[in-house]
């Protein structure tokens, strides 16, 4: 397996690992890490399709990946802020123990 197929298989494995982490973990930090893995798999797809696409000269895939990385960084910052706020209020980071959203 070489070329685009190898990169797509690696991306699918990253996405599946992230999805398994989101669906099976109880800790909010582990869920955020799973979401980050899935976003990185999408970034890998952007760059792989750019690299092996028809027009290799333009930087469209790299620009998409950079924007997606910036969005992922912002999402991680907001997600961690929410986890810290929930932990301060409920004294737990387990998502199944936080069952109400009122103060």
PDB file of N, CA and C in Angstrom:
ATOM      1  N   UNK A   1       0.844  -1.182   0.000  1.00  0.00           N
ATOM      2  CA  UNK A   1       0.000   0.000   0.000  1.00  0.00           C
ATOM      3  C   UNK A   1       0.887   1.241   0.000  1.00  0.00           C
ATOM      4  N   UNK A   2       0.776   1.969  -1.026  1.00  0.00           N
ATOM      5  CA  UNK A   2       1.539   3.200  -1.102  1.00  0.00           C
ATOM      6  C   UNK A   2       0.650   4.310  -1.620  1.00  0.00           C
ATOM      7  N   UNK A   3       1.134   5.500  -1.507  1.00  0.00           N
ATOM      8  CA  UNK A   3       0.408   6.633  -2.043  1.00  0.00           C
ATOM      9  C   UNK A   3      -0.817   6.983  -1.219  1.00  0.00           C
ATOM     10  N   UNK A   4      -1.850   7.328  -1.936  1.00  0.00           N
ATOM     11  CA  UNK A   4      -3.071   7.827  -1.303  1.00  0.00           C
ATOM     12  C   UNK A   4      -3.757   6.768  -0.449  1.00  0.00           C
ATOM     13  N   UNK A   5      -3.739   5.528  -0.874  1.00  0.00           N
ATOM     14  CA  UNK A   5      -4.414   4.463  -0.122  1.00  0.00           C
ATOM     15  C   UNK A   5      -3.844   4.301   1.273  1.00  0.00           C
ATOM     16  N   UNK A   6      -2.547   4.330   1.397  1.00  0.00           N
ATOM     17  CA  UNK A   6      -1.915   4.205   2.711  1.00  0.00           C
ATOM     18  C   UNK A   6      -2.297   5.341   3.642  1.00  0.00           C
ATOM     19  N   UNK A   7      -2.291   6.568   3.102  1.00  0.00           N
ATOM     20  CA  UNK A   7      -2.665   7.711   3.935  1.00  0.00           C
ATOM     21  C   UNK A   7      -4.131   7.647   4.359  1.00  0.00           C
ATOM     22  N   UNK A   8      -4.990   7.201   3.458  1.00  0.00           N
ATOM     23  CA  UNK A   8      -6.410   7.101   3.800  1.00  0.00           C
ATOM     24  C   UNK A   8      -6.660   6.004   4.831  1.00  0.00           C
ATOM     25  N   UNK A   9      -5.925   4.916   4.757  1.00  0.00           N
ATOM     26  CA  UNK A   9      -6.063   3.868   5.767  1.00  0.00           C
ATOM     27  C   UNK A   9      -5.566   4.344   7.129  1.00  0.00           C
ATOM     28  N   UNK A  10      -4.464   5.090   7.135  1.00  0.00           N
ATOM     29  CA  UNK A  10      -3.973   5.659   8.382  1.00  0.00           C
ATOM     30  C   UNK A  10      -4.979   6.645   8.963  1.00  0.00           C
ATOM     31  N   UNK A  11      -5.570   7.452   8.109  1.00  0.00           N
ATOM     32  CA  UNK A  11      -6.581   8.407   8.555  1.00  0.00           C
ATOM     33  C   UNK A  11      -7.817   7.694   9.106  1.00  0.00           C
ATOM     34  N   UNK A  12      -8.222   6.623   8.448  1.00  0.00           N
ATOM     35  CA  UNK A  12      -9.380   5.865   8.937  1.00  0.00           C
ATOM     36  C   UNK A  12      -9.086   5.229  10.293  1.00  0.00           C
ATOM     37  N   UNK A  13      -7.860   4.745  10.472  1.00  0.00           N
ATOM     38  CA  UNK A  13      -7.482   4.162  11.765  1.00  0.00           C
ATOM     39  C   UNK A  13      -7.469   5.230  12.861  1.00  0.00           C
ATOM     40  N   UNK A  14      -6.948   6.413  12.553  1.00  0.00           N
ATOM     41  CA  UNK A  14      -6.973   7.512  13.521  1.00  0.00           C
ATOM     42  C   UNK A  14      -8.397   7.901  13.883  1.00  0.00           C
ATOM     43  N   UNK A  15      -9.255   7.998  12.861  1.00  0.00           N
ATOM     44  CA  UNK A  15     -10.639   8.375  13.113  1.00  0.00           C
ATOM     45  C   UNK A  15     -11.357   7.321  13.944  1.00  0.00           C
ATOM     46  N   UNK A  16     -11.129   6.061  13.637  1.00  0.00           N
ATOM     47  CA  UNK A  16     -11.774   4.980  14.397  1.00  0.00           C
ATOM     48  C   UNK A  16     -11.286   4.965  15.844  1.00  0.00           C
ATOM     49  N   UNK A  17     -10.002   5.223  16.055  1.00  0.00           N
ATOM     50  CA  UNK A  17      -9.476   5.289  17.418  1.00  0.00           C
ATOM     51  C   UNK A  17     -10.101   6.438  18.186  1.00  0.00           C
ATOM     52  N   UNK A  18     -10.211   7.599  17.547  1.00  0.00           N
ATOM     53  CA  UNK A  18     -10.850   8.753  18.188  1.00  0.00           C
ATOM     54  C   UNK A  18     -12.313   8.497  18.490  1.00  0.00           C
ATOM     55  N   UNK A  19     -13.022   7.878  17.556  1.00  0.00           N
ATOM     56  CA  UNK A  19     -14.438   7.582  17.773  1.00  0.00           C
ATOM     57  C   UNK A  19     -14.624   6.590  18.912  1.00  0.00           C
ATOM     58  N   UNK A  20     -13.767   5.590  18.974  1.00  0.00           N
ATOM     59  CA  UNK A  20     -13.834   4.630  20.077  1.00  0.00           C
ATOM     60  C   UNK A  20     -13.554   5.325  21.405  1.00  0.00           C
ATOM     61  N   UNK A  21     -12.620   6.260  21.410  1.00  0.00           N
ATOM     62  CA  UNK A  21     -12.333   7.014  22.627  1.00  0.00           C
ATOM     63  C   UNK A  21     -13.501   7.878  23.065  1.00  0.00           C
ATOM     64  N   UNK A  22     -14.187   8.488  22.113  1.00  0.00           N
ATOM     65  CA  UNK A  22     -15.340   9.329  22.450  1.00  0.00           C
ATOM     66  C   UNK A  22     -16.489   8.485  22.988  1.00  0.00           C
ATOM     67  N   UNK A  23     -16.718   7.326  22.380  1.00  0.00           N
ATOM     68  CA  UNK A  23     -17.871   6.518  22.760  1.00  0.00           C
ATOM     69  C   UNK A  23     -17.665   5.687  24.021  1.00  0.00           C
ATOM     70  N   UNK A  24     -16.421   5.385  24.369  1.00  0.00           N
ATOM     71  CA  UNK A  24     -16.202   4.468  25.488  1.00  0.00           C
ATOM     72  C   UNK A  24     -15.666   5.123  26.749  1.00  0.00           C
ATOM     73  N   UNK A  25     -15.153   6.309  26.684  1.00  0.00           N
ATOM     74  CA  UNK A  25     -14.534   6.925  27.859  1.00  0.00           C
ATOM     75  C   UNK A  25     -15.559   7.654  28.704  1.00  0.00           C
ATOM     76  N   UNK A  26     -15.307   7.663  30.011  1.00  0.00           N
ATOM     77  CA  UNK A  26     -16.162   8.388  30.945  1.00  0.00           C
ATOM     78  C   UNK A  26     -15.571   9.737  31.301  1.00  0.00           C
ATOM     79  N   UNK A  27     -14.258   9.874  31.159  1.00  0.00           N
ATOM     80  CA  UNK A  27     -13.589  11.095  31.539  1.00  0.00           C
ATOM     81  C   UNK A  27     -13.723  12.127  30.416  1.00  0.00           C
ATOM     82  N   UNK A  28     -14.047  13.364  30.788  1.00  0.00           N
ATOM     83  CA  UNK A  28     -14.257  14.405  29.788  1.00  0.00           C
ATOM     84  C   UNK A  28     -12.969  14.740  29.034  1.00  0.00           C
ATOM     85  N   UNK A  29     -11.829  14.674  29.702  1.00  0.00           N
ATOM     86  CA  UNK A  29     -10.559  14.948  29.034  1.00  0.00           C
ATOM     87  C   UNK A  29     -10.286  13.887  27.963  1.00  0.00           C
ATOM     88  N   UNK A  30     -10.562  12.626  28.267  1.00  0.00           N
ATOM     89  CA  UNK A  30     -10.360  11.558  27.287  1.00  0.00           C
ATOM     90  C   UNK A  30     -11.306  11.721  26.096  1.00  0.00           C
ATOM     91  N   UNK A  31     -12.512  12.206  26.334  1.00  0.00           N
ATOM     92  CA  UNK A  31     -13.448  12.464  25.243  1.00  0.00           C
ATOM     93  C   UNK A  31     -12.907  13.567  24.343  1.00  0.00           C
ATOM     94  N   UNK A  32     -12.355  14.621  24.940  1.00  0.00           N
ATOM     95  CA  UNK A  32     -11.778  15.700  24.140  1.00  0.00           C
ATOM     96  C   UNK A  32     -10.575  15.214  23.326  1.00  0.00           C
ATOM     97  N   UNK A  33      -9.781  14.332  23.893  1.00  0.00           N
ATOM     98  CA  UNK A  33      -8.649  13.777  23.155  1.00  0.00           C
ATOM     99  C   UNK A  33      -9.150  12.961  21.958  1.00  0.00           C
ATOM    100  N   UNK A  34     -10.238  12.216  22.141  1.00  0.00           N
ATOM    101  CA  UNK A  34     -10.821  11.468  21.028  1.00  0.00           C
ATOM    102  C   UNK A  34     -11.323  12.377  19.919  1.00  0.00           C
ATOM    103  N   UNK A  35     -11.934  13.494  20.299  1.00  0.00           N
ATOM    104  CA  UNK A  35     -12.394  14.461  19.293  1.00  0.00           C
ATOM    105  C   UNK A  35     -11.200  15.044  18.541  1.00  0.00           C
ATOM    106  N   UNK A  36     -10.125  15.337  19.251  1.00  0.00           N
ATOM    107  CA  UNK A  36      -8.918  15.860  18.605  1.00  0.00           C
ATOM    108  C   UNK A  36      -8.328  14.831  17.627  1.00  0.00           C
ATOM    109  N   UNK A  37      -8.355  13.561  17.985  1.00  0.00           N
ATOM    110  CA  UNK A  37      -7.871  12.530  17.052  1.00  0.00           C
ATOM    111  C   UNK A  37      -8.714  12.495  15.779  1.00  0.00           C
ATOM    112  N   UNK A  38     -10.024  12.641  15.926  1.00  0.00           N
ATOM    113  CA  UNK A  38     -10.884  12.631  14.746  1.00  0.00           C
ATOM    114  C   UNK A  38     -10.626  13.859  13.871  1.00  0.00           C
ATOM    115  N   UNK A  39     -10.391  15.021  14.479  1.00  0.00           N
ATOM    116  CA  UNK A  39     -10.064  16.213  13.693  1.00  0.00           C
ATOM    117  C   UNK A  39      -8.712  16.064  12.991  1.00  0.00           C
ATOM    118  N   UNK A  40      -7.754  15.427  13.653  1.00  0.00           N
ATOM    119  CA  UNK A  40      -6.462  15.190  13.008  1.00  0.00           C
ATOM    120  C   UNK A  40      -6.587  14.219  11.837  1.00  0.00           C
ATOM    121  N   UNK A  41      -7.494  13.265  11.941  1.00  0.00           N
ATOM    122  CA  UNK A  41      -7.737  12.363  10.806  1.00  0.00           C
ATOM    123  C   UNK A  41      -8.299  13.143   9.616  1.00  0.00           C
ATOM    124  N   UNK A  42      -9.194  14.088   9.881  1.00  0.00           N
ATOM    125  CA  UNK A  42      -9.718  14.919   8.790  1.00  0.00           C
ATOM    126  C   UNK A  42      -8.615  15.779   8.188  1.00  0.00           C
ATOM    127  N   UNK A  43      -7.729  16.323   9.018  1.00  0.00           N
ATOM    128  CA  UNK A  43      -6.602  17.107   8.504  1.00  0.00           C
ATOM    129  C   UNK A  43      -5.690  16.254   7.624  1.00  0.00           C
ATOM    130  N   UNK A  44      -5.460  15.030   8.044  1.00  0.00           N
ATOM    131  CA  UNK A  44      -4.630  14.124   7.252  1.00  0.00           C
ATOM    132  C   UNK A  44      -5.271  13.853   5.895  1.00  0.00           C
ATOM    133  N   UNK A  45      -6.595  13.729   5.865  1.00  0.00           N
ATOM    134  CA  UNK A  45      -7.290  13.555   4.585  1.00  0.00           C
ATOM    135  C   UNK A  45      -7.123  14.775   3.692  1.00  0.00           C
ATOM    136  N   UNK A  46      -7.251  15.969   4.266  1.00  0.00           N
ATOM    137  CA  UNK A  46      -7.067  17.191   3.475  1.00  0.00           C
ATOM    138  C   UNK A  46      -5.699  17.209   2.805  1.00  0.00           C
ATOM    139  N   UNK A  47      -4.669  16.956   3.586  1.00  0.00           N
ATOM    140  CA  UNK A  47      -3.310  17.022   3.052  1.00  0.00           C
ATOM    141  C   UNK A  47      -3.048  15.883   2.071  1.00  0.00           C
ATOM    142  N   UNK A  48      -3.568  14.691   2.345  1.00  0.00           N
ATOM    143  CA  UNK A  48      -3.352  13.553   1.437  1.00  0.00           C
ATOM    144  C   UNK A  48      -4.022  13.801   0.089  1.00  0.00           C
ATOM    145  N   UNK A  49      -5.254  14.299   0.106  1.00  0.00           N
ATOM    146  CA  UNK A  49      -5.928  14.575  -1.168  1.00  0.00           C
ATOM    147  C   UNK A  49      -5.266  15.731  -1.902  1.00  0.00           C
ATOM    148  N   UNK A  50      -4.715  16.704  -1.153  1.00  0.00           N
ATOM    149  CA  UNK A  50      -3.986  17.786  -1.808  1.00  0.00           C
ATOM    150  C   UNK A  50      -2.717  17.259  -2.469  1.00  0.00           C
ATOM    151  N   UNK A  51      -2.002  16.424  -1.743  1.00  0.00           N
ATOM    152  CA  UNK A  51      -0.712  15.933  -2.234  1.00  0.00           C
ATOM    153  C   UNK A  51      -0.870  15.016  -3.442  1.00  0.00           C
ATOM    154  N   UNK A  52      -1.893  14.200  -3.439  1.00  0.00           N
ATOM    155  CA  UNK A  52      -2.075  13.228  -4.518  1.00  0.00           C
ATOM    156  C   UNK A  52      -3.167  13.653  -5.488  1.00  0.00           C
ATOM    157  N   UNK A  53      -3.577  14.909  -5.420  1.00  0.00           N
ATOM    158  CA  UNK A  53      -4.635  15.405  -6.301  1.00  0.00           C
ATOM    159  C   UNK A  53      -4.127  15.739  -7.684  1.00  0.00           C
ATOM    160  N   UNK A  54      -5.017  16.317  -8.454  1.00  0.00           N
ATOM    161  CA  UNK A  54      -4.708  16.638  -9.842  1.00  0.00           C
ATOM    162  C   UNK A  54      -3.738  17.821  -9.915  1.00  0.00           C
ATOM    163  N   UNK A  55      -4.023  18.874  -9.170  1.00  0.00           N
ATOM    164  CA  UNK A  55      -3.166  20.062  -9.226  1.00  0.00           C
ATOM    165  C   UNK A  55      -2.311  20.105  -7.964  1.00  0.00           C
ATOM    166  N   UNK A  56      -1.075  19.669  -8.099  1.00  0.00           N
ATOM    167  CA  UNK A  56      -0.172  19.609  -6.957  1.00  0.00           C
ATOM    168  C   UNK A  56       0.456  20.957  -6.650  1.00  0.00           C
ATOM    169  N   UNK A  57       0.259  21.954  -7.491  1.00  0.00           N
ATOM    170  CA  UNK A  57       0.917  23.234  -7.316  1.00  0.00           C
ATOM    171  C   UNK A  57       0.277  24.139  -6.278  1.00  0.00           C
ATOM    172  N   UNK A  58      -1.038  24.156  -6.227  1.00  0.00           N
ATOM    173  CA  UNK A  58      -1.671  25.069  -5.273  1.00  0.00           C
ATOM    174  C   UNK A  58      -1.667  24.487  -3.866  1.00  0.00           C
ATOM    175  N   UNK A  59      -1.891  25.335  -2.897  1.00  0.00           N
ATOM    176  CA  UNK A  59      -1.785  24.930  -1.488  1.00  0.00           C
ATOM    177  C   UNK A  59      -3.152  24.849  -0.823  1.00  0.00           C
ATOM    178  N   UNK A  60      -4.168  24.455  -1.552  1.00  0.00           N
ATOM    179  CA  UNK A  60      -5.516  24.421  -1.004  1.00  0.00           C
ATOM    180  C   UNK A  60      -5.638  23.457   0.159  1.00  0.00           C
ATOM    181  N   UNK A  61      -5.111  22.272   0.035  1.00  0.00           N
ATOM    182  CA  UNK A  61      -5.211  21.278   1.106  1.00  0.00           C
ATOM    183  C   UNK A  61      -4.482  21.712   2.358  1.00  0.00           C
ATOM    184  N   UNK A  62      -3.328  22.330   2.184  1.00  0.00           N
ATOM    185  CA  UNK A  62      -2.572  22.792   3.343  1.00  0.00           C
ATOM    186  C   UNK A  62      -3.309  23.925   4.046  1.00  0.00           C
ATOM    187  N   UNK A  63      -3.913  24.820   3.281  1.00  0.00           N
ATOM    188  CA  UNK A  63      -4.672  25.922   3.876  1.00  0.00           C
ATOM    189  C   UNK A  63      -5.872  25.378   4.639  1.00  0.00           C
ATOM    190  N   UNK A  64      -6.586  24.412   4.056  1.00  0.00           N
ATOM    191  CA  UNK A  64      -7.695  23.770   4.766  1.00  0.00           C
ATOM    192  C   UNK A  64      -7.215  23.134   6.064  1.00  0.00           C
ATOM    193  N   UNK A  65      -6.098  22.430   6.001  1.00  0.00           N
ATOM    194  CA  UNK A  65      -5.571  21.772   7.199  1.00  0.00           C
ATOM    195  C   UNK A  65      -5.164  22.791   8.251  1.00  0.00           C
ATOM    196  N   UNK A  66      -4.558  23.897   7.850  1.00  0.00           N
ATOM    197  CA  UNK A  66      -4.179  24.925   8.827  1.00  0.00           C
ATOM    198  C   UNK A  66      -5.400  25.556   9.488  1.00  0.00           C
ATOM    199  N   UNK A  67      -6.449  25.821   8.705  1.00  0.00           N
ATOM    200  CA  UNK A  67      -7.680  26.335   9.299  1.00  0.00           C
ATOM    201  C   UNK A  67      -8.300  25.308  10.250  1.00  0.00           C
ATOM    202  N   UNK A  68      -8.277  24.053   9.871  1.00  0.00           N
ATOM    203  CA  UNK A  68      -8.838  23.017  10.739  1.00  0.00           C
ATOM    204  C   UNK A  68      -8.023  22.872  12.021  1.00  0.00           C
ATOM    205  N   UNK A  69      -6.710  23.021  11.938  1.00  0.00           N
ATOM    206  CA  UNK A  69      -5.871  22.971  13.139  1.00  0.00           C
ATOM    207  C   UNK A  69      -6.176  24.157  14.043  1.00  0.00           C
ATOM    208  N   UNK A  70      -6.380  25.335  13.458  1.00  0.00           N
ATOM    209  CA  UNK A  70      -6.728  26.511  14.264  1.00  0.00           C
ATOM    210  C   UNK A  70      -8.070  26.325  14.957  1.00  0.00           C
ATOM    211  N   UNK A  71      -9.042  25.777  14.244  1.00  0.00           N
ATOM    212  CA  UNK A  71     -10.347  25.512  14.854  1.00  0.00           C
ATOM    213  C   UNK A  71     -10.223  24.461  15.950  1.00  0.00           C
ATOM    214  N   UNK A  72      -9.397  23.444  15.733  1.00  0.00           N
ATOM    215  CA  UNK A  72      -9.204  22.402  16.739  1.00  0.00           C
ATOM    216  C   UNK A  72      -8.539  22.962  17.995  1.00  0.00           C
ATOM    217  N   UNK A  73      -7.606  23.878  17.818  1.00  0.00           N
ATOM    218  CA  UNK A  73      -6.960  24.498  18.975  1.00  0.00           C
ATOM    219  C   UNK A  73      -7.959  25.332  19.766  1.00  0.00           C
ATOM    220  N   UNK A  74      -8.796  26.081  19.068  1.00  0.00           N
ATOM    221  CA  UNK A  74      -9.826  26.863  19.755  1.00  0.00           C
ATOM    222  C   UNK A  74     -10.828  25.948  20.454  1.00  0.00           C
ATOM    223  N   UNK A  75     -11.184  24.863  19.798  1.00  0.00           N
ATOM    224  CA  UNK A  75     -12.120  23.900  20.404  1.00  0.00           C
ATOM    225  C   UNK A  75     -11.523  23.264  21.647  1.00  0.00           C
ATOM    226  N   UNK A  76     -10.245  22.966  21.611  1.00  0.00           N
ATOM    227  CA  UNK A  76      -9.592  22.374  22.780  1.00  0.00           C
ATOM    228  C   UNK A  76      -9.558  23.362  23.937  1.00  0.00           C
ATOM    229  N   UNK A  77      -9.294  24.624  23.651  1.00  0.00           N
ATOM    230  CA  UNK A  77      -9.261  25.637  24.710  1.00  0.00           C
ATOM    231  C   UNK A  77     -10.636  25.817  25.346  1.00  0.00           C
ATOM    232  N   UNK A  78     -11.670  25.903  24.515  1.00  0.00           N
ATOM    233  CA  UNK A  78     -13.030  26.057  25.052  1.00  0.00           C
ATOM    234  C   UNK A  78     -13.462  24.792  25.780  1.00  0.00           C
ATOM    235  N   UNK A  79     -13.131  23.636  25.225  1.00  0.00           N
ATOM    236  CA  UNK A  79     -13.491  22.371  25.877  1.00  0.00           C
ATOM    237  C   UNK A  79     -12.824  22.211  27.227  1.00  0.00           C
ATOM    238  N   UNK A  80     -11.548  22.533  27.312  1.00  0.00           N
ATOM    239  CA  UNK A  80     -10.859  22.441  28.596  1.00  0.00           C
ATOM    240  C   UNK A  80     -11.408  23.445  29.602  1.00  0.00           C
ATOM    241  N   UNK A  81     -11.776  24.633  29.136  1.00  0.00           N
ATOM    242  CA  UNK A  81     -12.389  25.608  30.042  1.00  0.00           C
ATOM    243  C   UNK A  81     -13.723  25.093  30.581  1.00  0.00           C
ATOM    244  N   UNK A  82     -14.505  24.442  29.728  1.00  0.00           N
ATOM    245  CA  UNK A  82     -15.773  23.865  30.189  1.00  0.00           C
ATOM    246  C   UNK A  82     -15.538  22.727  31.174  1.00  0.00           C
ATOM    247  N   UNK A  83     -14.549  21.886  30.906  1.00  0.00           N
ATOM    248  CA  UNK A  83     -14.248  20.784  31.819  1.00  0.00           C
ATOM    249  C   UNK A  83     -13.811  21.323  33.184  1.00  0.00           C
ATOM    250  N   UNK A  84     -12.997  22.359  33.189  1.00  0.00           N
ATOM    251  CA  UNK A  84     -12.556  22.955  34.458  1.00  0.00           C
ATOM    252  C   UNK A  84     -13.735  23.556  35.206  1.00  0.00           C
ATOM    253  N   UNK A  85     -14.640  24.235  34.493  1.00  0.00           N
ATOM    254  CA  UNK A  85     -15.811  24.818  35.145  1.00  0.00           C
ATOM    255  C   UNK A  85     -16.721  23.735  35.721  1.00  0.00           C
ATOM    256  N   UNK A  86     -16.923  22.662  34.984  1.00  0.00           N
ATOM    257  CA  UNK A  86     -17.759  21.564  35.479  1.00  0.00           C
ATOM    258  C   UNK A  86     -17.086  20.898  36.673  1.00  0.00           C
ATOM    259  N   UNK A  87     -15.772  20.728  36.616  1.00  0.00           N
ATOM    260  CA  UNK A  87     -15.069  20.106  37.731  1.00  0.00           C
ATOM    261  C   UNK A  87     -15.158  20.967  38.988  1.00  0.00           C
ATOM    262  N   UNK A  88     -15.049  22.262  38.837  1.00  0.00           N
ATOM    263  CA  UNK A  88     -15.155  23.140  40.008  1.00  0.00           C
ATOM    264  C   UNK A  88     -16.537  23.077  40.639  1.00  0.00           C
ATOM    265  N   UNK A  89     -17.556  22.892  39.823  1.00  0.00           N
ATOM    266  CA  UNK A  89     -18.917  22.864  40.360  1.00  0.00           C
ATOM    267  C   UNK A  89     -19.294  21.495  40.909  1.00  0.00           C
ATOM    268  N   UNK A  90     -18.995  20.438  40.180  1.00  0.00           N
ATOM    269  CA  UNK A  90     -19.426  19.086  40.559  1.00  0.00           C
ATOM    270  C   UNK A  90     -18.341  18.255  41.226  1.00  0.00           C
ATOM    271  N   UNK A  91     -17.096  18.680  41.180  1.00  0.00           N
ATOM    272  CA  UNK A  91     -15.945  17.955  41.731  1.00  0.00           C
ATOM    273  C   UNK A  91     -15.751  16.600  41.061  1.00  0.00           C
ATOM    274  N   UNK A  92     -16.078  16.518  39.791  1.00  0.00           N
ATOM    275  CA  UNK A  92     -15.837  15.298  39.012  1.00  0.00           C
ATOM    276  C   UNK A  92     -15.653  15.674  37.547  1.00  0.00           C
ATOM    277  N   UNK A  93     -14.898  14.853  36.830  1.00  0.00           N
ATOM    278  CA  UNK A  93     -14.714  15.055  35.391  1.00  0.00           C
ATOM    279  C   UNK A  93     -15.350  13.927  34.593  1.00  0.00           C
ATOM    280  N   UNK A  94     -16.130  13.080  35.260  1.00  0.00           N
ATOM    281  CA  UNK A  94     -16.820  11.985  34.572  1.00  0.00           C
ATOM    282  C   UNK A  94     -18.104  12.510  33.953  1.00  0.00           C
ATOM    283  N   UNK A  95     -18.268  12.256  32.666  1.00  0.00           N
ATOM    284  CA  UNK A  95     -19.394  12.838  31.953  1.00  0.00           C
ATOM    285  C   UNK A  95     -20.730  12.207  32.328  1.00  0.00           C
ATOM    286  N   UNK A  96     -20.746  10.982  32.795  1.00  0.00           N
ATOM    287  CA  UNK A  96     -22.027  10.367  33.149  1.00  0.00           C
ATOM    288  C   UNK A  96     -22.512  10.770  34.541  1.00  0.00           C
ATOM    289  N   UNK A  97     -21.671  11.370  35.358  1.00  0.00           N
ATOM    290  CA  UNK A  97     -22.088  11.840  36.680  1.00  0.00           C
ATOM    291  C   UNK A  97     -22.628  13.262  36.634  1.00  0.00           C
ATOM    292  N   UNK A  98     -22.381  13.969  35.571  1.00  0.00           N
ATOM    293  CA  UNK A  98     -22.893  15.338  35.417  1.00  0.00           C
ATOM    294  C   UNK A  98     -24.157  15.216  34.596  1.00  0.00           C
ATOM    295  N   UNK A  99     -25.292  15.129  35.278  1.00  0.00           N
ATOM    296  CA  UNK A  99     -26.543  14.849  34.582  1.00  0.00           C
ATOM    297  C   UNK A  99     -27.502  16.032  34.549  1.00  0.00           C
ATOM    298  N   UNK A 100     -27.119  17.148  35.129  1.00  0.00           N
ATOM    299  CA  UNK A 100     -28.000  18.313  35.035  1.00  0.00           C
ATOM    300  C   UNK A 100     -27.137  19.539  34.752  1.00  0.00           C
ATOM    301  N   UNK A 101     -27.741  20.519  34.101  1.00  0.00           N
ATOM    302  CA  UNK A 101     -26.995  21.680  33.664  1.00  0.00           C
ATOM    303  C   UNK A 101     -27.465  22.957  34.361  1.00  0.00           C
ATOM    304  N   UNK A 102     -28.169  22.822  35.423  1.00  0.00           N
ATOM    305  CA  UNK A 102     -28.579  24.036  36.136  1.00  0.00           C
ATOM    306  C   UNK A 102     -27.618  24.310  37.275  1.00  0.00           C
ATOM    307  N   UNK A 103     -27.586  25.558  37.705  1.00  0.00           N
ATOM    308  CA  UNK A 103     -26.642  25.971  38.753  1.00  0.00           C
ATOM    309  C   UNK A 103     -27.136  25.702  40.100  1.00  0.00           C
TER     310      UNK A 103
END
